[in-house]
Amino acid sequence: MGEEVAPACTYGDDTVAEEMLKNLYHLLLWPLCNTIARCHAEQGHIRVAAAVLSLATSLPPPLPWLCSFANP
C-alpha cells in the first residue's frame, strides 16, 4: 500500500542488471549469427551469409530492445 514497486526492467537505473543483459546479448546472439553466417558461407551461400551478418549488425542496442518486450 505504501511502497511503489519499480518496473521489472528499467533503462539506466540498475547498472548491474544492465551489464548482465548486455553481456548475455553479446555472448549469445553475436556468436549465433556468426556461426550461421559461417556455415552458409562454407556452403557457398554468400548472400545468405551476408544477410545474416547484416541482420546482426542492424539489431538495436540490447537493453532497450529487451525492455520493450518486458514492459510493452
Protein backbone atom coordinates (compact mmCIF):
# COMPACT_ATOMS: atom_id res chain seq x y z
CA MET A 1 0.00 0.00 0.00
CA GLY A 2 2.71 2.47 0.93
CA GLU A 3 5.57 1.29 -1.30
CA GLU A 4 5.81 1.72 -5.03
CA VAL A 5 7.19 -1.19 -7.00
CA ALA A 6 9.69 -0.36 -9.74
CA PRO A 7 9.21 -1.88 -13.21
CA ALA A 8 10.98 -5.17 -13.78
CA CYS A 9 13.29 -3.70 -16.40
CA THR A 10 14.35 -0.08 -16.28
CA TYR A 11 16.96 1.51 -18.50
CA GLY A 12 19.92 3.07 -16.76
CA ASP A 13 18.82 2.57 -13.14
CA ASP A 14 20.26 -0.83 -12.33
CA THR A 15 23.76 -0.93 -13.81
CA VAL A 16 24.50 -4.50 -12.66
CA ALA A 17 21.42 -5.91 -14.40
CA GLU A 18 22.11 -3.71 -17.40
CA GLU A 19 25.64 -5.06 -17.77
CA MET A 20 24.43 -8.64 -17.33
CA LEU A 21 21.86 -8.19 -20.11
CA LYS A 22 24.43 -6.61 -22.42
CA ASN A 23 26.87 -9.45 -21.78
CA LEU A 24 24.19 -12.08 -22.34
CA TYR A 25 23.15 -10.40 -25.59
CA HIS A 26 26.68 -10.18 -26.92
CA LEU A 27 27.74 -13.62 -25.68
CA LEU A 28 24.78 -15.45 -27.21
CA LEU A 29 23.43 -13.52 -30.17
CA TRP A 30 26.64 -12.48 -31.92
CA PRO A 31 28.25 -15.95 -31.89
CA LEU A 32 24.98 -17.47 -33.10
CA CYS A 33 24.79 -15.07 -36.03
CA ASN A 34 28.46 -15.59 -36.85
CA THR A 35 28.06 -19.38 -36.76
CA ILE A 36 25.02 -19.29 -39.03
CA ALA A 37 26.79 -16.94 -41.45
CA ARG A 38 29.97 -19.06 -41.48
CA CYS A 39 28.02 -22.26 -42.19
CA HIS A 40 26.22 -20.66 -45.11
CA ALA A 41 29.44 -19.15 -46.46
CA GLU A 42 31.17 -22.55 -46.33
CA GLN A 43 28.32 -24.00 -48.43
CA GLY A 44 28.65 -21.20 -50.96
CA HIS A 45 25.53 -19.33 -49.86
CA ILE A 46 27.27 -15.97 -49.75
CA ARG A 47 24.07 -13.89 -50.00
CA VAL A 48 22.51 -15.70 -47.03
CA ALA A 49 25.71 -15.26 -45.01
CA ALA A 50 25.78 -11.55 -45.85
CA ALA A 51 22.12 -11.18 -44.89
CA VAL A 52 22.69 -12.84 -41.50
CA LEU A 53 25.68 -10.60 -40.76
CA SER A 54 23.71 -7.56 -41.90
CA LEU A 55 20.90 -8.51 -39.54
CA ALA A 56 23.34 -8.95 -36.66
CA THR A 57 24.85 -5.50 -37.19
CA SER A 58 21.47 -3.80 -37.59
CA LEU A 59 19.98 -5.10 -34.35
CA PRO A 60 19.17 -2.40 -31.82
CA PRO A 61 21.20 -2.00 -28.64
CA PRO A 62 20.42 -4.87 -26.30
CA LEU A 63 18.84 -3.28 -23.26
CA PRO A 64 16.11 -1.06 -24.77
CA TRP A 65 15.22 -3.90 -27.16
CA LEU A 66 14.87 -6.41 -24.31
CA CYS A 67 13.00 -3.95 -22.12
CA SER A 68 10.48 -3.26 -24.86
CA PHE A 69 9.35 -6.89 -24.51
CA ALA A 70 9.36 -6.80 -20.71
CA ASN A 71 7.39 -3.53 -20.45
CA PRO A 72 5.17 -3.08 -23.50
